[in-house]
PDB file of N, CA and C in Angstrom:
ATOM      1  N   MET A   1     109.524 150.975  87.671  1.00  0.00           N
ATOM      2  CA  MET A   1     110.696 150.268  88.132  1.00  0.00           C
ATOM      3  C   MET A   1     111.797 150.488  87.078  1.00  0.00           C
ATOM      4  N   THR A   2     112.961 150.733  87.747  1.00  0.00           N
ATOM      5  CA  THR A   2     114.121 150.934  87.045  1.00  0.00           C
ATOM      6  C   THR A   2     114.582 149.493  86.463  1.00  0.00           C
ATOM      7  N   LYS A   3     115.505 149.818  85.298  1.00  0.00           N
ATOM      8  CA  LYS A   3     116.158 148.715  84.728  1.00  0.00           C
ATOM      9  C   LYS A   3     117.037 147.963  85.587  1.00  0.00           C
ATOM     10  N   ASN A   4     117.744 148.544  86.548  1.00  0.00           N
ATOM     11  CA  ASN A   4     118.622 147.827  87.466  1.00  0.00           C
ATOM     12  C   ASN A   4     117.898 147.017  88.373  1.00  0.00           C
ATOM     13  N   PHE A   5     116.801 147.586  88.985  1.00  0.00           N
ATOM     14  CA  PHE A   5     115.936 146.933  89.965  1.00  0.00           C
ATOM     15  C   PHE A   5     115.434 145.484  89.271  1.00  0.00           C
ATOM     16  N   ILE A   6     114.974 145.721  87.982  1.00  0.00           N
ATOM     17  CA  ILE A   6     114.497 144.405  87.131  1.00  0.00           C
ATOM     18  C   ILE A   6     115.571 143.482  87.114  1.00  0.00           C
ATOM     19  N   ARG A   7     116.621 143.874  86.592  1.00  0.00           N
ATOM     20  CA  ARG A   7     117.819 143.018  86.486  1.00  0.00           C
ATOM     21  C   ARG A   7     118.213 142.278  87.852  1.00  0.00           C
ATOM     22  N   ALA A   8     118.096 142.982  88.852  1.00  0.00           N
ATOM     23  CA  ALA A   8     118.559 142.497  90.265  1.00  0.00           C
ATOM     24  C   ALA A   8     117.328 141.522  90.711  1.00  0.00           C
ATOM     25  N   LEU A   9     116.375 141.591  90.363  1.00  0.00           N
ATOM     26  CA  LEU A   9     115.190 140.773  90.511  1.00  0.00           C
ATOM     27  C   LEU A   9     115.328 139.538  89.749  1.00  0.00           C
ATOM     28  N   SER A  10     115.679 139.628  88.534  1.00  0.00           N
ATOM     29  CA  SER A  10     115.732 138.631  87.657  1.00  0.00           C
ATOM     30  C   SER A  10     116.926 137.637  88.106  1.00  0.00           C
ATOM     31  N   PHE A  11     117.988 138.184  88.462  1.00  0.00           N
ATOM     32  CA  PHE A  11     119.246 137.495  88.867  1.00  0.00           C
ATOM     33  C   PHE A  11     118.864 136.878  90.023  1.00  0.00           C
ATOM     34  N   ALA A  12     118.106 137.527  90.957  1.00  0.00           N
ATOM     35  CA  ALA A  12     117.738 136.859  92.386  1.00  0.00           C
ATOM     36  C   ALA A  12     116.889 135.626  92.241  1.00  0.00           C
ATOM     37  N   ALA A  13     116.122 135.604  91.188  1.00  0.00           N
ATOM     38  CA  ALA A  13     115.089 134.453  90.754  1.00  0.00           C
ATOM     39  C   ALA A  13     115.989 133.334  90.490  1.00  0.00           C
ATOM     40  N   LEU A  14     117.191 133.541  89.744  1.00  0.00           N
ATOM     41  CA  LEU A  14     117.910 132.504  89.155  1.00  0.00           C
ATOM     42  C   LEU A  14     118.625 131.710  90.407  1.00  0.00           C
ATOM     43  N   LEU A  15     118.890 132.534  91.588  1.00  0.00           N
ATOM     44  CA  LEU A  15     119.563 131.869  92.743  1.00  0.00           C
ATOM     45  C   LEU A  15     118.596 130.984  93.505  1.00  0.00           C
ATOM     46  N   VAL A  16     117.295 131.203  93.389  1.00  0.00           N
ATOM     47  CA  VAL A  16     116.551 130.364  94.077  1.00  0.00           C
ATOM     48  C   VAL A  16     116.509 129.046  93.796  1.00  0.00           C
ATOM     49  N   PRO A  17     116.732 128.031  94.665  1.00  0.00           N
ATOM     50  CA  PRO A  17     116.803 126.523  94.114  1.00  0.00           C
ATOM     51  C   PRO A  17     115.543 126.078  93.519  1.00  0.00           C
ATOM     52  N   ALA A  18     115.757 125.162  92.721  1.00  0.00           N
ATOM     53  CA  ALA A  18     114.383 124.460  91.776  1.00  0.00           C
ATOM     54  C   ALA A  18     113.736 123.917  92.972  1.00  0.00           C
ATOM     55  N   ALA A  19     114.061 123.504  94.122  1.00  0.00           N
ATOM     56  CA  ALA A  19     113.053 122.768  95.108  1.00  0.00           C
ATOM     57  C   ALA A  19     112.040 123.858  95.540  1.00  0.00           C
ATOM     58  N   ALA A  20     112.534 125.095  95.532  1.00  0.00           N
ATOM     59  CA  ALA A  20     111.335 126.131  95.855  1.00  0.00           C
ATOM     60  C   ALA A  20     110.172 125.945  95.326  1.00  0.00           C
ATOM     61  N   TRP A  21     110.292 125.602  93.718  1.00  0.00           N
ATOM     62  CA  TRP A  21     108.926 125.236  92.951  1.00  0.00           C
ATOM     63  C   TRP A  21     108.570 123.834  92.819  1.00  0.00           C
ATOM     64  N   ALA A  22     108.982 123.164  93.754  1.00  0.00           N
ATOM     65  CA  ALA A  22     108.463 121.769  94.035  1.00  0.00           C
ATOM     66  C   ALA A  22     106.949 121.774  94.059  1.00  0.00           C
ATOM     67  N   ASP A  23     106.405 120.708  93.643  1.00  0.00           N
ATOM     68  CA  ASP A  23     104.989 120.435  93.727  1.00  0.00           C
ATOM     69  C   ASP A  23     104.527 119.491  94.924  1.00  0.00           C
ATOM     70  N   SER A  24     103.365 119.361  95.052  1.00  0.00           N
ATOM     71  CA  SER A  24     102.984 118.404  96.217  1.00  0.00           C
ATOM     72  C   SER A  24     101.763 117.814  95.669  1.00  0.00           C
ATOM     73  N   TRP A  25     101.607 116.333  96.184  1.00  0.00           N
ATOM     74  CA  TRP A  25     100.489 115.692  95.910  1.00  0.00           C
ATOM     75  C   TRP A  25     100.079 114.928  97.183  1.00  0.00           C
ATOM     76  N   LYS A  26      98.730 115.250  97.651  1.00  0.00           N
ATOM     77  CA  LYS A  26      98.238 114.773  98.834  1.00  0.00           C
ATOM     78  C   LYS A  26      97.292 113.518  98.611  1.00  0.00           C
ATOM     79  N   SER A  27      97.495 112.556  99.452  1.00  0.00           N
ATOM     80  CA  SER A  27      96.700 111.406  99.261  1.00  0.00           C
ATOM     81  C   SER A  27      96.403 110.789  98.008  1.00  0.00           C
ATOM     82  N   VAL A  28      97.712 110.590  97.340  1.00  0.00           N
ATOM     83  CA  VAL A  28      97.569 109.951  96.063  1.00  0.00           C
ATOM     84  C   VAL A  28      98.127 108.289  96.103  1.00  0.00           C
ATOM     85  N   PRO A  29      97.534 107.606  95.391  1.00  0.00           N
ATOM     86  CA  PRO A  29      97.816 106.161  95.660  1.00  0.00           C
ATOM     87  C   PRO A  29      99.431 105.755  95.232  1.00  0.00           C
ATOM     88  N   LEU A  30     100.074 104.927  96.224  1.00  0.00           N
ATOM     89  CA  LEU A  30     101.238 104.582  96.044  1.00  0.00           C
ATOM     90  C   LEU A  30     101.278 103.202  95.433  1.00  0.00           C
ATOM     91  N   ILE A  31     102.026 102.833  94.489  1.00  0.00           N
ATOM     92  CA  ILE A  31     102.019 101.467  93.850  1.00  0.00           C
ATOM     93  C   ILE A  31     103.442 101.230  93.392  1.00  0.00           C
ATOM     94  N   ASP A  32     103.804 100.099  93.272  1.00  0.00           N
ATOM     95  CA  ASP A  32     105.136  99.558  92.611  1.00  0.00           C
ATOM     96  C   ASP A  32     105.018  99.230  91.155  1.00  0.00           C
ATOM     97  N   THR A  33     105.902  99.620  90.543  1.00  0.00           N
ATOM     98  CA  THR A  33     106.037  99.443  89.065  1.00  0.00           C
ATOM     99  C   THR A  33     105.418  98.142  88.301  1.00  0.00           C
ATOM    100  N   MET A  34     105.792  97.160  89.161  1.00  0.00           N
ATOM    101  CA  MET A  34     105.504  95.866  88.752  1.00  0.00           C
ATOM    102  C   MET A  34     103.838  95.587  88.679  1.00  0.00           C
ATOM    103  N   CYS A  35     103.253  96.161  89.772  1.00  0.00           N
ATOM    104  CA  CYS A  35     101.745  95.897  90.101  1.00  0.00           C
ATOM    105  C   CYS A  35     100.933  97.093  89.387  1.00  0.00           C
ATOM    106  N   ARG A  36     101.418  97.939  88.857  1.00  0.00           N
ATOM    107  CA  ARG A  36     100.548  99.201  88.437  1.00  0.00           C
ATOM    108  C   ARG A  36      99.507  98.867  87.397  1.00  0.00           C
ATOM    109  N   GLU A  37      99.763  98.004  86.604  1.00  0.00           N
ATOM    110  CA  GLU A  37      98.677  97.436  85.516  1.00  0.00           C
ATOM    111  C   GLU A  37      97.738  96.453  86.122  1.00  0.00           C
ATOM    112  N   ARG A  38      98.201  95.788  86.861  1.00  0.00           N
ATOM    113  CA  ARG A  38      97.355  94.683  87.700  1.00  0.00           C
ATOM    114  C   ARG A  38      96.154  95.448  88.631  1.00  0.00           C
ATOM    115  N   TYR A  39      96.704  96.460  89.164  1.00  0.00           N
ATOM    116  CA  TYR A  39      95.707  97.049  90.026  1.00  0.00           C
ATOM    117  C   TYR A  39      95.314  98.608  89.538  1.00  0.00           C
ATOM    118  N   GLU A  40      95.261  98.629  88.315  1.00  0.00           N
ATOM    119  CA  GLU A  40      94.740  99.814  87.557  1.00  0.00           C
ATOM    120  C   GLU A  40      93.166 100.002  87.939  1.00  0.00           C
ATOM    121  N   GLY A  41      92.942 101.189  88.487  1.00  0.00           N
ATOM    122  CA  GLY A  41      91.578 101.652  88.749  1.00  0.00           C
ATOM    123  C   GLY A  41      91.176 100.964  90.137  1.00  0.00           C
ATOM    124  N   LYS A  42      91.909 100.245  90.826  1.00  0.00           N
ATOM    125  CA  LYS A  42      91.662  99.814  92.126  1.00  0.00           C
ATOM    126  C   LYS A  42      92.841  99.594  92.933  1.00  0.00           C
ATOM    127  N   THR A  43      93.769 100.634  92.949  1.00  0.00           N
ATOM    128  CA  THR A  43      94.989 100.831  93.736  1.00  0.00           C
ATOM    129  C   THR A  43      94.791 100.600  95.089  1.00  0.00           C
ATOM    130  N   ASP A  44      93.767 100.830  95.760  1.00  0.00           N
ATOM    131  CA  ASP A  44      93.474 100.841  97.030  1.00  0.00           C
ATOM    132  C   ASP A  44      93.296  99.457  97.679  1.00  0.00           C
ATOM    133  N   GLU A  45      93.278  98.356  96.652  1.00  0.00           N
ATOM    134  CA  GLU A  45      93.251  97.023  96.937  1.00  0.00           C
ATOM    135  C   GLU A  45      94.734  96.549  97.037  1.00  0.00           C
ATOM    136  N   HIS A  46      95.660  97.204  96.543  1.00  0.00           N
ATOM    137  CA  HIS A  46      97.023  96.790  96.612  1.00  0.00           C
ATOM    138  C   HIS A  46      97.486  96.776  97.885  1.00  0.00           C
ATOM    139  N   THR A  47      98.131  95.651  98.510  1.00  0.00           N
ATOM    140  CA  THR A  47      98.610  95.500  99.741  1.00  0.00           C
ATOM    141  C   THR A  47     100.040  95.830 100.107  1.00  0.00           C
ATOM    142  N   THR A  48     100.293  96.253 101.316  1.00  0.00           N
ATOM    143  CA  THR A  48     101.667  96.553 101.627  1.00  0.00           C
ATOM    144  C   THR A  48     102.642  95.480 101.551  1.00  0.00           C
ATOM    145  N   ALA A  49     102.252  94.170 101.812  1.00  0.00           N
ATOM    146  CA  ALA A  49     103.115  92.979 101.571  1.00  0.00           C
ATOM    147  C   ALA A  49     103.559  92.941 100.186  1.00  0.00           C
ATOM    148  N   CYS A  50     102.615  92.850  99.319  1.00  0.00           N
ATOM    149  CA  CYS A  50     102.903  92.912  97.712  1.00  0.00           C
ATOM    150  C   CYS A  50     103.769  93.958  97.454  1.00  0.00           C
ATOM    151  N   ALA A  51     103.515  95.352  97.936  1.00  0.00           N
ATOM    152  CA  ALA A  51     104.357  96.421  97.609  1.00  0.00           C
ATOM    153  C   ALA A  51     105.843  96.087  98.022  1.00  0.00           C
ATOM    154  N   LEU A  52     105.923  95.463  99.147  1.00  0.00           N
ATOM    155  CA  LEU A  52     107.369  95.263  99.693  1.00  0.00           C
ATOM    156  C   LEU A  52     108.052  93.901  98.838  1.00  0.00           C
ATOM    157  N   GLN A  53     107.244  93.103  98.494  1.00  0.00           N
ATOM    158  CA  GLN A  53     107.820  92.069  97.673  1.00  0.00           C
ATOM    159  C   GLN A  53     108.277  92.651  96.214  1.00  0.00           C
ATOM    160  N   CYS A  54     107.748  93.643  95.738  1.00  0.00           N
ATOM    161  CA  CYS A  54     107.832  94.014  94.343  1.00  0.00           C
ATOM    162  C   CYS A  54     108.797  95.290  94.430  1.00  0.00           C
ATOM    163  N   ALA A  55     109.519  95.407  95.594  1.00  0.00           N
ATOM    164  CA  ALA A  55     110.407  96.688  95.805  1.00  0.00           C
ATOM    165  C   ALA A  55     111.343  96.750  94.541  1.00  0.00           C
ATOM    166  N   LYS A  56     111.846  95.847  94.114  1.00  0.00           N
ATOM    167  CA  LYS A  56     113.009  95.958  93.038  1.00  0.00           C
ATOM    168  C   LYS A  56     112.613  96.524  91.696  1.00  0.00           C
ATOM    169  N   GLY A  57     111.200  96.646  91.534  1.00  0.00           N
ATOM    170  CA  GLY A  57     111.012  97.290  90.354  1.00  0.00           C
ATOM    171  C   GLY A  57     110.738  98.857  90.678  1.00  0.00           C
ATOM    172  N   GLY A  58     110.579  99.206  91.704  1.00  0.00           N
ATOM    173  CA  GLY A  58     110.604 100.790  92.109  1.00  0.00           C
ATOM    174  C   GLY A  58     109.208 101.013  92.306  1.00  0.00           C
ATOM    175  N   TYR A  59     108.893 102.260  92.664  1.00  0.00           N
ATOM    176  CA  TYR A  59     107.661 102.843  93.040  1.00  0.00           C
ATOM    177  C   TYR A  59     107.147 104.057  92.377  1.00  0.00           C
ATOM    178  N   GLY A  60     106.022 104.532  92.507  1.00  0.00           N
ATOM    179  CA  GLY A  60     105.461 105.704  91.996  1.00  0.00           C
ATOM    180  C   GLY A  60     104.197 105.919  92.563  1.00  0.00           C
ATOM    181  N   ILE A  61     103.491 107.038  91.786  1.00  0.00           N
ATOM    182  CA  ILE A  61     102.247 107.437  92.238  1.00  0.00           C
ATOM    183  C   ILE A  61     101.337 107.533  91.030  1.00  0.00           C
ATOM    184  N   VAL A  62      99.915 107.443  91.442  1.00  0.00           N
ATOM    185  CA  VAL A  62      99.069 107.582  90.348  1.00  0.00           C
ATOM    186  C   VAL A  62      98.310 108.964  90.483  1.00  0.00           C
ATOM    187  N   VAL A  63      98.623 109.727  89.351  1.00  0.00           N
ATOM    188  CA  VAL A  63      98.073 111.120  89.329  1.00  0.00           C
ATOM    189  C   VAL A  63      97.068 111.179  88.287  1.00  0.00           C
ATOM    190  N   ASP A  64      95.921 111.479  88.239  1.00  0.00           N
ATOM    191  CA  ASP A  64      94.939 111.529  87.089  1.00  0.00           C
ATOM    192  C   ASP A  64      95.081 110.394  86.397  1.00  0.00           C
ATOM    193  N   LYS A  65      94.896 109.145  86.842  1.00  0.00           N
ATOM    194  CA  LYS A  65      94.890 107.808  86.181  1.00  0.00           C
ATOM    195  C   LYS A  65      96.201 107.632  85.412  1.00  0.00           C
ATOM    196  N   THR A  66      97.320 108.338  85.795  1.00  0.00           N
ATOM    197  CA  THR A  66      98.723 108.298  85.229  1.00  0.00           C
ATOM    198  C   THR A  66      99.741 107.834  86.192  1.00  0.00           C
ATOM    199  N   TYR A  67     100.555 106.828  85.772  1.00  0.00           N
ATOM    200  CA  TYR A  67     101.460 106.460  86.872  1.00  0.00           C
ATOM    201  C   TYR A  67     102.724 107.169  86.502  1.00  0.00           C
ATOM    202  N   VAL A  68     103.194 107.695  87.787  1.00  0.00           N
ATOM    203  CA  VAL A  68     104.477 108.662  87.675  1.00  0.00           C
ATOM    204  C   VAL A  68     105.345 107.963  88.552  1.00  0.00           C
ATOM    205  N   PRO A  69     106.386 107.408  87.914  1.00  0.00           N
ATOM    206  CA  PRO A  69     107.598 106.541  88.649  1.00  0.00           C
ATOM    207  C   PRO A  69     108.580 107.624  89.573  1.00  0.00           C
ATOM    208  N   PHE A  70     108.845 107.140  90.678  1.00  0.00           N
ATOM    209  CA  PHE A  70     109.934 107.782  91.411  1.00  0.00           C
ATOM    210  C   PHE A  70     111.476 107.653  90.959  1.00  0.00           C
ATOM    211  N   ASP A  71     112.165 108.531  91.201  1.00  0.00           N
ATOM    212  CA  ASP A  71     113.593 108.416  91.141  1.00  0.00           C
ATOM    213  C   ASP A  71     114.122 107.479  92.341  1.00  0.00           C
ATOM    214  N   GLU A  72     115.406 107.462  92.199  1.00  0.00           N
ATOM    215  CA  GLU A  72     116.291 106.515  93.211  1.00  0.00           C
ATOM    216  C   GLU A  72     115.750 106.855  94.776  1.00  0.00           C
ATOM    217  N   LYS A  73     115.843 108.113  94.893  1.00  0.00           N
ATOM    218  CA  LYS A  73     115.564 108.745  96.287  1.00  0.00           C
ATOM    219  C   LYS A  73     114.164 108.358  96.674  1.00  0.00           C
ATOM    220  N   GLY A  74     113.273 108.614  95.778  1.00  0.00           N
ATOM    221  CA  GLY A  74     111.966 108.418  95.927  1.00  0.00           C
ATOM    222  C   GLY A  74     111.571 106.908  96.257  1.00  0.00           C
ATOM    223  N   ASN A  75     112.223 106.021  95.709  1.00  0.00           N
ATOM    224  CA  ASN A  75     112.086 104.547  95.869  1.00  0.00           C
ATOM    225  C   ASN A  75     112.576 104.173  97.280  1.00  0.00           C
ATOM    226  N   ALA A  76     113.813 104.807  97.631  1.00  0.00           N
ATOM    227  CA  ALA A  76     114.293 104.539  99.018  1.00  0.00           C
ATOM    228  C   ALA A  76     113.215 105.101  99.951  1.00  0.00           C
ATOM    229  N   LEU A  77     112.836 106.243  99.829  1.00  0.00           N
ATOM    230  CA  LEU A  77     111.836 106.716 100.821  1.00  0.00           C
ATOM    231  C   LEU A  77     110.607 106.028 100.850  1.00  0.00           C
ATOM    232  N   ALA A  78     109.960 105.588  99.793  1.00  0.00           N
ATOM    233  CA  ALA A  78     108.893 104.731  99.680  1.00  0.00           C
ATOM    234  C   ALA A  78     109.125 103.366 100.496  1.00  0.00           C
ATOM    235  N   LEU A  79     110.197 102.720 100.087  1.00  0.00           N
ATOM    236  CA  LEU A  79     110.407 101.577 100.850  1.00  0.00           C
ATOM    237  C   LEU A  79     110.389 101.740 102.225  1.00  0.00           C
ATOM    238  N   ALA A  80     111.296 102.687 102.903  1.00  0.00           N
ATOM    239  CA  ALA A  80     111.370 102.935 104.301  1.00  0.00           C
ATOM    240  C   ALA A  80     109.882 103.201 104.768  1.00  0.00           C
ATOM    241  N   ALA A  81     109.242 103.926 104.084  1.00  0.00           N
ATOM    242  CA  ALA A  81     107.771 104.280 104.713  1.00  0.00           C
ATOM    243  C   ALA A  81     106.989 102.987 104.712  1.00  0.00           C
ATOM    244  N   LEU A  82     107.147 102.032 103.841  1.00  0.00           N
ATOM    245  CA  LEU A  82     106.368 100.963 103.699  1.00  0.00           C
ATOM    246  C   LEU A  82     106.780  99.893 104.754  1.00  0.00           C
ATOM    247  N   LYS A  83     108.016  99.839 104.981  1.00  0.00           N
ATOM    248  CA  LYS A  83     108.590  98.983 106.028  1.00  0.00           C
ATOM    249  C   LYS A  83     108.077  99.494 107.433  1.00  0.00           C
ATOM    250  N   ALA A  84     107.836 100.777 107.551  1.00  0.00           N
ATOM    251  CA  ALA A  84     107.549 101.339 108.912  1.00  0.00           C
ATOM    252  C   ALA A  84     105.967 101.380 109.069  1.00  0.00           C
ATOM    253  N   THR A  85     105.194 101.418 108.098  1.00  0.00           N
ATOM    254  CA  THR A  85     103.653 101.614 108.281  1.00  0.00           C
ATOM    255  C   THR A  85     103.008 100.142 108.833  1.00  0.00           C
ATOM    256  N   LYS A  86     101.897 100.548 109.547  1.00  0.00           N
ATOM    257  CA  LYS A  86     101.117  99.467 109.892  1.00  0.00           C
ATOM    258  C   LYS A  86      99.743  99.026 109.056  1.00  0.00           C
ATOM    259  N   LYS A  87      99.737 100.030 108.101  1.00  0.00           N
ATOM    260  CA  LYS A  87      98.686  99.991 107.087  1.00  0.00           C
ATOM    261  C   LYS A  87      98.845  98.631 106.199  1.00  0.00           C
ATOM    262  N   ARG A  88      97.719  97.862 105.824  1.00  0.00           N
ATOM    263  CA  ARG A  88      97.896  96.737 105.314  1.00  0.00           C
ATOM    264  C   ARG A  88      97.527  96.790 103.701  1.00  0.00           C
ATOM    265  N   ASP A  89      96.545  97.913 103.425  1.00  0.00           N
ATOM    266  CA  ASP A  89      96.455  98.121 102.015  1.00  0.00           C
ATOM    267  C   ASP A  89      95.976  99.564 102.013  1.00  0.00           C
ATOM    268  N   SER A  90      95.259 100.196 100.709  1.00  0.00           N
ATOM    269  CA  SER A  90      94.887 101.627 100.728  1.00  0.00           C
ATOM    270  C   SER A  90      96.017 102.475 100.918  1.00  0.00           C
ATOM    271  N   LEU A  91      97.214 102.209 100.288  1.00  0.00           N
ATOM    272  CA  LEU A  91      98.502 102.898 100.451  1.00  0.00           C
ATOM    273  C   LEU A  91      98.437 104.086  99.691  1.00  0.00           C
ATOM    274  N   ARG A  92      98.080 105.195 100.520  1.00  0.00           N
ATOM    275  CA  ARG A  92      98.163 106.599 100.088  1.00  0.00           C
ATOM    276  C   ARG A  92      99.217 107.445 100.744  1.00  0.00           C
ATOM    277  N   VAL A  93      99.713 108.273  99.985  1.00  0.00           N
ATOM    278  CA  VAL A  93     100.914 109.038 100.201  1.00  0.00           C
ATOM    279  C   VAL A  93     100.900 110.510 100.022  1.00  0.00           C
ATOM    280  N   THR A  94     101.426 111.491 100.672  1.00  0.00           N
ATOM    281  CA  THR A  94     101.629 112.916 100.361  1.00  0.00           C
ATOM    282  C   THR A  94     103.275 112.923  99.954  1.00  0.00           C
ATOM    283  N   VAL A  95     103.499 113.418  98.968  1.00  0.00           N
ATOM    284  CA  VAL A  95     104.473 113.603  98.222  1.00  0.00           C
ATOM    285  C   VAL A  95     105.076 114.864  97.891  1.00  0.00           C
ATOM    286  N   GLU A  96     106.314 115.369  98.027  1.00  0.00           N
ATOM    287  CA  GLU A  96     106.656 116.748  97.573  1.00  0.00           C
ATOM    288  C   GLU A  96     107.942 116.305  96.675  1.00  0.00           C
ATOM    289  N   GLY A  97     107.919 117.015  95.459  1.00  0.00           N
ATOM    290  CA  GLY A  97     109.155 116.788  94.583  1.00  0.00           C
ATOM    291  C   GLY A  97     108.940 117.564  93.222  1.00  0.00           C
ATOM    292  N   THR A  98     109.602 117.248  92.208  1.00  0.00           N
ATOM    293  CA  THR A  98     109.455 117.832  90.799  1.00  0.00           C
ATOM    294  C   THR A  98     109.523 116.777  89.771  1.00  0.00           C
ATOM    295  N   ILE A  99     108.774 116.919  88.824  1.00  0.00           N
ATOM    296  CA  ILE A  99     108.866 115.970  87.630  1.00  0.00           C
ATOM    297  C   ILE A  99     109.532 116.497  86.459  1.00  0.00           C
ATOM    298  N   GLU A 100     110.632 115.693  86.193  1.00  0.00           N
ATOM    299  CA  GLU A 100     111.384 116.017  85.132  1.00  0.00           C
ATOM    300  C   GLU A 100     111.599 114.633  84.258  1.00  0.00           C
ATOM    301  N   SER A 101     111.205 114.760  82.874  1.00  0.00           N
ATOM    302  CA  SER A 101     111.361 113.615  81.975  1.00  0.00           C
ATOM    303  C   SER A 101     110.582 112.651  82.373  1.00  0.00           C
ATOM    304  N   GLY A 102     109.365 112.683  83.055  1.00  0.00           N
ATOM    305  CA  GLY A 102     108.377 111.761  83.155  1.00  0.00           C
ATOM    306  C   GLY A 102     108.805 111.110  84.461  1.00  0.00           C
ATOM    307  N   THR A 103     109.711 111.624  85.447  1.00  0.00           N
ATOM    308  CA  THR A 103     110.325 110.802  86.552  1.00  0.00           C
ATOM    309  C   THR A 103     110.172 111.846  87.784  1.00  0.00           C
ATOM    310  N   LEU A 104     109.388 111.389  88.892  1.00  0.00           N
ATOM    311  CA  LEU A 104     109.273 112.260  90.037  1.00  0.00           C
ATOM    312  C   LEU A 104     110.460 112.385  90.776  1.00  0.00           C
ATOM    313  N   HIS A 105     111.131 113.323  91.015  1.00  0.00           N
ATOM    314  CA  HIS A 105     112.266 113.545  91.825  1.00  0.00           C
ATOM    315  C   HIS A 105     111.766 113.937  93.382  1.00  0.00           C
ATOM    316  N   VAL A 106     111.786 112.973  94.221  1.00  0.00           N
ATOM    317  CA  VAL A 106     110.973 112.971  95.570  1.00  0.00           C
ATOM    318  C   VAL A 106     111.896 113.838  96.441  1.00  0.00           C
ATOM    319  N   ALA A 107     111.411 114.747  97.134  1.00  0.00           N
ATOM    320  CA  ALA A 107     112.108 115.431  98.293  1.00  0.00           C
ATOM    321  C   ALA A 107     111.529 114.978  99.460  1.00  0.00           C
ATOM    322  N   LYS A 108     110.410 114.781  99.736  1.00  0.00           N
ATOM    323  CA  LYS A 108     109.612 114.033 100.848  1.00  0.00           C
ATOM    324  C   LYS A 108     108.679 113.207 100.482  1.00  0.00           C
ATOM    325  N   LEU A 109     108.460 112.254 101.400  1.00  0.00           N
ATOM    326  CA  LEU A 109     107.266 111.279 101.103  1.00  0.00           C
ATOM    327  C   LEU A 109     106.851 110.967 102.526  1.00  0.00           C
ATOM    328  N   ALA A 110     105.524 110.702 102.766  1.00  0.00           N
ATOM    329  CA  ALA A 110     104.836 110.299 103.863  1.00  0.00           C
ATOM    330  C   ALA A 110     103.606 109.431 103.681  1.00  0.00           C
ATOM    331  N   ILE A 111     103.595 108.345 104.230  1.00  0.00           N
ATOM    332  CA  ILE A 111     102.123 107.653 104.158  1.00  0.00           C
ATOM    333  C   ILE A 111     101.031 108.203 104.964  1.00  0.00           C
ATOM    334  N   ASP A 112     100.007 108.445 104.363  1.00  0.00           N
ATOM    335  CA  ASP A 112      98.786 109.038 104.947  1.00  0.00           C
ATOM    336  C   ASP A 112      98.093 108.188 105.921  1.00  0.00           C
TER     337      ASP A 112
END
């Protein structure tokens, strides 16, 4: 490969939006910040009604026993999904986004 080709390829990589490297998590527990400790290890017992009541604290997912809070957009998407679901408990979601400074910047969210 020529140096010019490598430079062009490197420059093109910089132009690709960060969302292209977004991660996804499938069927992970969704829980509100206020209840995360109470339901630690038993997130499937957390009810939709409780999650809706505790919306002001925000939401997040549990990945490998670690709570990862959502950004503002993620909180809004989670709240809208909770209001629309008919599920009463076992709140599992599929989420796409990127984690920066311990916060999940959500691009997409759907309740499983």
